[in-house]
């Protein structure tokens, strides 16, 4: 079997029922800018970005039937720090449109989960310095300071017999993928 080139996910798109509501939700909460927008009768599409090097990182398209449940498992957005997760947690609560949300650590990430107005699950997350097998989850309280959340998370991951620093897991994964000269993130 011939080995294919590595792929990287660069954008995602979803079909929506109420285009104006979803457009407002994603542009206001996440600050996405419109790269292009098509309004062709009943068909609407918005190409949104938060990266000046990418024409679009997220796409909304009208056309999802009103009686169609979401088929999205989750849409995950990476942020740079635990404080950034906390800032989104506060913004989601203040926005008021997300009726369900929770915060957790998976051991390898700190995450905020919430559901958008059409019941698509959204994750805002950042990495921890550790790895444990998934699925894993421990509720966290983002009202606590970073030191307390780190302490709780580290105790949680170290209790798992398969615990390892994230750099060790990254190096093994790179080796399994046949990537030479990989330098783990610290």
C-alpha atoms as a PDB file:
ATOM      1  CA  UNK A   1       0.000   0.000   0.000  1.00  0.00           C
ATOM      2  CA  UNK A   2       1.324   3.421  -0.964  1.00  0.00           C
ATOM      3  CA  UNK A   3       1.687   5.919   1.844  1.00  0.00           C
ATOM      4  CA  UNK A   4      -0.349   9.074   1.312  1.00  0.00           C
ATOM      5  CA  UNK A   5       0.829  12.565   2.268  1.00  0.00           C
ATOM      6  CA  UNK A   6      -0.117  13.794   5.722  1.00  0.00           C
ATOM      7  CA  UNK A   7      -3.269  15.895   5.908  1.00  0.00           C
ATOM      8  CA  UNK A   8      -4.148  18.724   8.288  1.00  0.00           C
ATOM      9  CA  UNK A   9      -7.678  19.833   9.008  1.00  0.00           C
ATOM     10  CA  UNK A  10      -7.823  23.533   8.212  1.00  0.00           C
ATOM     11  CA  UNK A  11     -11.523  24.367   8.236  1.00  0.00           C
ATOM     12  CA  UNK A  12     -14.949  22.936   8.893  1.00  0.00           C
ATOM     13  CA  UNK A  13     -18.457  23.828   7.858  1.00  0.00           C
ATOM     14  CA  UNK A  14     -21.966  23.092   9.048  1.00  0.00           C
ATOM     15  CA  UNK A  15     -25.427  23.372   7.579  1.00  0.00           C
ATOM     16  CA  UNK A  16     -27.799  25.460   9.685  1.00  0.00           C
ATOM     17  CA  UNK A  17     -31.544  25.961   9.934  1.00  0.00           C
ATOM     18  CA  UNK A  18     -31.690  29.601  11.056  1.00  0.00           C
ATOM     19  CA  UNK A  19     -28.865  31.271   9.133  1.00  0.00           C
ATOM     20  CA  UNK A  20     -29.215  34.803  10.637  1.00  0.00           C
ATOM     21  CA  UNK A  21     -29.205  33.473  14.226  1.00  0.00           C
ATOM     22  CA  UNK A  22     -26.211  31.195  13.656  1.00  0.00           C
ATOM     23  CA  UNK A  23     -24.307  33.871  11.705  1.00  0.00           C
ATOM     24  CA  UNK A  24     -24.835  36.323  14.565  1.00  0.00           C
ATOM     25  CA  UNK A  25     -23.817  33.734  17.177  1.00  0.00           C
ATOM     26  CA  UNK A  26     -20.522  32.743  15.530  1.00  0.00           C
ATOM     27  CA  UNK A  27     -19.440  36.192  14.377  1.00  0.00           C
ATOM     28  CA  UNK A  28     -20.194  37.885  17.700  1.00  0.00           C
ATOM     29  CA  UNK A  29     -19.040  35.226  20.164  1.00  0.00           C
ATOM     30  CA  UNK A  30     -15.917  34.127  18.283  1.00  0.00           C
ATOM     31  CA  UNK A  31     -15.145  37.344  16.419  1.00  0.00           C
ATOM     32  CA  UNK A  32     -15.035  35.614  13.028  1.00  0.00           C
ATOM     33  CA  UNK A  33     -14.707  37.977  10.093  1.00  0.00           C
ATOM     34  CA  UNK A  34     -16.549  37.413   6.812  1.00  0.00           C
ATOM     35  CA  UNK A  35     -14.234  36.550   3.923  1.00  0.00           C
ATOM     36  CA  UNK A  36     -17.069  35.977   1.488  1.00  0.00           C
ATOM     37  CA  UNK A  37     -20.821  35.671   1.723  1.00  0.00           C
ATOM     38  CA  UNK A  38     -23.330  34.362  -0.781  1.00  0.00           C
ATOM     39  CA  UNK A  39     -27.018  35.185  -0.554  1.00  0.00           C
ATOM     40  CA  UNK A  40     -28.668  33.401  -3.492  1.00  0.00           C
ATOM     41  CA  UNK A  41     -32.378  33.229  -2.809  1.00  0.00           C
ATOM     42  CA  UNK A  42     -32.962  30.711  -0.052  1.00  0.00           C
ATOM     43  CA  UNK A  43     -29.318  29.592  -0.170  1.00  0.00           C
ATOM     44  CA  UNK A  44     -26.919  31.455   2.109  1.00  0.00           C
ATOM     45  CA  UNK A  45     -23.262  30.704   2.750  1.00  0.00           C
ATOM     46  CA  UNK A  46     -20.757  32.589   4.880  1.00  0.00           C
ATOM     47  CA  UNK A  47     -17.030  31.908   4.703  1.00  0.00           C
ATOM     48  CA  UNK A  48     -15.625  33.017   8.062  1.00  0.00           C
ATOM     49  CA  UNK A  49     -12.064  33.386   9.278  1.00  0.00           C
ATOM     50  CA  UNK A  50     -10.033  34.321  12.338  1.00  0.00           C
ATOM     51  CA  UNK A  51      -6.704  33.740  10.583  1.00  0.00           C
ATOM     52  CA  UNK A  52      -5.268  36.285   8.130  1.00  0.00           C
ATOM     53  CA  UNK A  53      -3.499  33.460   6.259  1.00  0.00           C
ATOM     54  CA  UNK A  54      -6.693  31.434   5.704  1.00  0.00           C
ATOM     55  CA  UNK A  55      -9.572  32.544   3.516  1.00  0.00           C
ATOM     56  CA  UNK A  56     -11.913  30.611   5.788  1.00  0.00           C
ATOM     57  CA  UNK A  57     -11.621  28.548   8.941  1.00  0.00           C
ATOM     58  CA  UNK A  58     -15.357  28.013   9.421  1.00  0.00           C
ATOM     59  CA  UNK A  59     -18.287  27.945   6.997  1.00  0.00           C
ATOM     60  CA  UNK A  60     -22.001  28.295   7.651  1.00  0.00           C
ATOM     61  CA  UNK A  61     -24.449  27.146   5.009  1.00  0.00           C
ATOM     62  CA  UNK A  62     -28.225  27.354   5.035  1.00  0.00           C
ATOM     63  CA  UNK A  63     -30.294  24.339   4.129  1.00  0.00           C
ATOM     64  CA  UNK A  64     -30.505  22.149   7.207  1.00  0.00           C
ATOM     65  CA  UNK A  65     -34.148  21.140   7.578  1.00  0.00           C
ATOM     66  CA  UNK A  66     -35.829  22.537  10.686  1.00  0.00           C
ATOM     67  CA  UNK A  67     -36.770  19.058  11.889  1.00  0.00           C
ATOM     68  CA  UNK A  68     -33.246  17.682  11.380  1.00  0.00           C
ATOM     69  CA  UNK A  69     -31.254  17.021  14.566  1.00  0.00           C
ATOM     70  CA  UNK A  70     -27.623  18.042  14.682  1.00  0.00           C
ATOM     71  CA  UNK A  71     -25.261  15.388  13.389  1.00  0.00           C
ATOM     72  CA  UNK A  72     -22.220  17.265  14.678  1.00  0.00           C
ATOM     73  CA  UNK A  73     -20.329  15.363  17.371  1.00  0.00           C
ATOM     74  CA  UNK A  74     -18.396  18.490  18.299  1.00  0.00           C
ATOM     75  CA  UNK A  75     -16.622  21.469  16.800  1.00  0.00           C
ATOM     76  CA  UNK A  76     -13.419  22.178  18.699  1.00  0.00           C
ATOM     77  CA  UNK A  77     -11.592  25.478  18.818  1.00  0.00           C
ATOM     78  CA  UNK A  78      -8.072  25.647  20.260  1.00  0.00           C
ATOM     79  CA  UNK A  79      -6.956  28.579  22.420  1.00  0.00           C
ATOM     80  CA  UNK A  80      -3.507  29.342  23.787  1.00  0.00           C
ATOM     81  CA  UNK A  81      -4.064  29.134  27.540  1.00  0.00           C
ATOM     82  CA  UNK A  82      -6.236  28.057  30.432  1.00  0.00           C
ATOM     83  CA  UNK A  83      -7.048  31.720  30.984  1.00  0.00           C
ATOM     84  CA  UNK A  84      -8.343  31.900  27.384  1.00  0.00           C
ATOM     85  CA  UNK A  85     -10.665  28.947  28.109  1.00  0.00           C
ATOM     86  CA  UNK A  86     -11.812  30.802  31.216  1.00  0.00           C
ATOM     87  CA  UNK A  87     -12.456  34.004  29.206  1.00  0.00           C
ATOM     88  CA  UNK A  88     -14.661  32.075  26.761  1.00  0.00           C
ATOM     89  CA  UNK A  89     -16.473  30.423  29.681  1.00  0.00           C
ATOM     90  CA  UNK A  90     -17.316  33.867  31.022  1.00  0.00           C
ATOM     91  CA  UNK A  91     -18.312  35.127  27.571  1.00  0.00           C
ATOM     92  CA  UNK A  92     -20.568  32.128  26.908  1.00  0.00           C
ATOM     93  CA  UNK A  93     -22.299  32.603  30.270  1.00  0.00           C
ATOM     94  CA  UNK A  94     -22.700  36.350  29.665  1.00  0.00           C
ATOM     95  CA  UNK A  95     -23.965  35.810  26.103  1.00  0.00           C
ATOM     96  CA  UNK A  96     -26.822  33.681  27.441  1.00  0.00           C
ATOM     97  CA  UNK A  97     -27.638  31.813  24.228  1.00  0.00           C
ATOM     98  CA  UNK A  98     -25.890  28.598  25.283  1.00  0.00           C
ATOM     99  CA  UNK A  99     -28.396  26.868  27.553  1.00  0.00           C
ATOM    100  CA  UNK A 100     -26.089  23.943  28.339  1.00  0.00           C
ATOM    101  CA  UNK A 101     -22.384  24.072  29.162  1.00  0.00           C
ATOM    102  CA  UNK A 102     -19.791  22.350  31.326  1.00  0.00           C
ATOM    103  CA  UNK A 103     -16.069  22.528  32.048  1.00  0.00           C
ATOM    104  CA  UNK A 104     -13.736  19.561  32.327  1.00  0.00           C
ATOM    105  CA  UNK A 105     -10.199  18.350  32.067  1.00  0.00           C
ATOM    106  CA  UNK A 106      -9.503  15.331  29.899  1.00  0.00           C
ATOM    107  CA  UNK A 107      -6.065  15.124  31.446  1.00  0.00           C
ATOM    108  CA  UNK A 108      -4.519  16.176  28.139  1.00  0.00           C
ATOM    109  CA  UNK A 109      -6.728  19.284  27.774  1.00  0.00           C
ATOM    110  CA  UNK A 110      -8.802  21.785  29.726  1.00  0.00           C
ATOM    111  CA  UNK A 111     -12.139  22.239  27.999  1.00  0.00           C
ATOM    112  CA  UNK A 112     -15.316  24.244  27.961  1.00  0.00           C
ATOM    113  CA  UNK A 113     -18.218  22.517  26.204  1.00  0.00           C
ATOM    114  CA  UNK A 114     -21.421  24.280  25.244  1.00  0.00           C
ATOM    115  CA  UNK A 115     -24.185  23.947  22.677  1.00  0.00           C
ATOM    116  CA  UNK A 116     -24.885  26.597  20.035  1.00  0.00           C
ATOM    117  CA  UNK A 117     -28.450  27.778  19.256  1.00  0.00           C
ATOM    118  CA  UNK A 118     -29.027  24.765  16.961  1.00  0.00           C
ATOM    119  CA  UNK A 119     -27.699  22.221  19.457  1.00  0.00           C
ATOM    120  CA  UNK A 120     -24.252  21.656  17.942  1.00  0.00           C
ATOM    121  CA  UNK A 121     -21.700  20.850  20.647  1.00  0.00           C
ATOM    122  CA  UNK A 122     -18.779  23.303  20.737  1.00  0.00           C
ATOM    123  CA  UNK A 123     -15.504  22.823  22.584  1.00  0.00           C
ATOM    124  CA  UNK A 124     -13.021  25.543  23.511  1.00  0.00           C
ATOM    125  CA  UNK A 125      -9.828  23.905  24.760  1.00  0.00           C
ATOM    126  CA  UNK A 126      -6.153  24.227  25.472  1.00  0.00           C
ATOM    127  CA  UNK A 127      -3.515  21.585  26.083  1.00  0.00           C
ATOM    128  CA  UNK A 128      -2.137  20.457  29.415  1.00  0.00           C
ATOM    129  CA  UNK A 129       1.465  19.240  29.767  1.00  0.00           C
ATOM    130  CA  UNK A 130       0.261  15.660  30.322  1.00  0.00           C
ATOM    131  CA  UNK A 131      -1.284  12.712  28.510  1.00  0.00           C
ATOM    132  CA  UNK A 132      -3.577   9.930  29.666  1.00  0.00           C
ATOM    133  CA  UNK A 133      -5.659   7.567  27.522  1.00  0.00           C
ATOM    134  CA  UNK A 134      -9.039   8.844  26.400  1.00  0.00           C
ATOM    135  CA  UNK A 135     -11.877   9.122  27.083  1.00  0.00           C
ATOM    136  CA  UNK A 136     -11.196  10.733  30.432  1.00  0.00           C
ATOM    137  CA  UNK A 137     -12.816  13.582  32.276  1.00  0.00           C
ATOM    138  CA  UNK A 138     -12.839  15.380  35.583  1.00  0.00           C
ATOM    139  CA  UNK A 139     -15.061  18.398  36.262  1.00  0.00           C
ATOM    140  CA  UNK A 140     -13.116  21.600  36.838  1.00  0.00           C
ATOM    141  CA  UNK A 141     -14.233  24.904  38.311  1.00  0.00           C
ATOM    142  CA  UNK A 142     -12.939  27.816  36.250  1.00  0.00           C
ATOM    143  CA  UNK A 143     -13.598  30.168  39.159  1.00  0.00           C
ATOM    144  CA  UNK A 144     -10.495  28.597  40.725  1.00  0.00           C
ATOM    145  CA  UNK A 145      -7.075  30.010  39.949  1.00  0.00           C
ATOM    146  CA  UNK A 146      -4.717  28.354  37.473  1.00  0.00           C
ATOM    147  CA  UNK A 147      -2.488  26.879  40.205  1.00  0.00           C
ATOM    148  CA  UNK A 148      -5.420  25.041  41.794  1.00  0.00           C
ATOM    149  CA  UNK A 149      -6.668  23.712  38.434  1.00  0.00           C
ATOM    150  CA  UNK A 150      -3.132  22.566  37.520  1.00  0.00           C
ATOM    151  CA  UNK A 151      -2.796  20.844  40.905  1.00  0.00           C
ATOM    152  CA  UNK A 152      -6.126  19.028  40.554  1.00  0.00           C
ATOM    153  CA  UNK A 153      -5.405  18.035  36.969  1.00  0.00           C
ATOM    154  CA  UNK A 154      -1.912  16.785  37.747  1.00  0.00           C
ATOM    155  CA  UNK A 155      -3.222  14.669  40.641  1.00  0.00           C
ATOM    156  CA  UNK A 156      -5.889  13.277  38.320  1.00  0.00           C
ATOM    157  CA  UNK A 157      -3.488  12.320  35.516  1.00  0.00           C
ATOM    158  CA  UNK A 158      -0.801  10.910  37.821  1.00  0.00           C
ATOM    159  CA  UNK A 159      -3.404   8.527  39.288  1.00  0.00           C
ATOM    160  CA  UNK A 160      -3.711   6.917  35.837  1.00  0.00           C
ATOM    161  CA  UNK A 161      -1.135   4.103  35.364  1.00  0.00           C
ATOM    162  CA  UNK A 162      -0.712   5.116  31.700  1.00  0.00           C
ATOM    163  CA  UNK A 163       0.123   8.757  32.569  1.00  0.00           C
ATOM    164  CA  UNK A 164       3.032  10.334  30.700  1.00  0.00           C
ATOM    165  CA  UNK A 165       4.310  13.828  29.932  1.00  0.00           C
ATOM    166  CA  UNK A 166       2.836  15.112  26.676  1.00  0.00           C
ATOM    167  CA  UNK A 167       6.272  15.355  25.049  1.00  0.00           C
ATOM    168  CA  UNK A 168       6.820  11.614  25.534  1.00  0.00           C
ATOM    169  CA  UNK A 169       3.438  10.832  23.976  1.00  0.00           C
ATOM    170  CA  UNK A 170       4.134  13.218  21.070  1.00  0.00           C
ATOM    171  CA  UNK A 171       7.534  11.618  20.389  1.00  0.00           C
ATOM    172  CA  UNK A 172       6.043   8.109  20.355  1.00  0.00           C
ATOM    173  CA  UNK A 173       3.230   9.235  18.086  1.00  0.00           C
ATOM    174  CA  UNK A 174       5.666  10.903  15.680  1.00  0.00           C
ATOM    175  CA  UNK A 175       7.726   7.706  15.607  1.00  0.00           C
ATOM    176  CA  UNK A 176       4.579   5.644  14.902  1.00  0.00           C
ATOM    177  CA  UNK A 177       3.735   8.031  12.064  1.00  0.00           C
ATOM    178  CA  UNK A 178       7.240   7.682  10.617  1.00  0.00           C
ATOM    179  CA  UNK A 179       8.151  11.323  11.205  1.00  0.00           C
ATOM    180  CA  UNK A 180      11.909  11.780  11.570  1.00  0.00           C
ATOM    181  CA  UNK A 181      13.451  14.627  13.560  1.00  0.00           C
ATOM    182  CA  UNK A 182      10.269  15.528  15.428  1.00  0.00           C
ATOM    183  CA  UNK A 183      10.754  17.923  18.353  1.00  0.00           C
ATOM    184  CA  UNK A 184       8.020  17.626  20.994  1.00  0.00           C
ATOM    185  CA  UNK A 185       6.151  20.663  22.206  1.00  0.00           C
ATOM    186  CA  UNK A 186       7.020  21.587  25.801  1.00  0.00           C
END
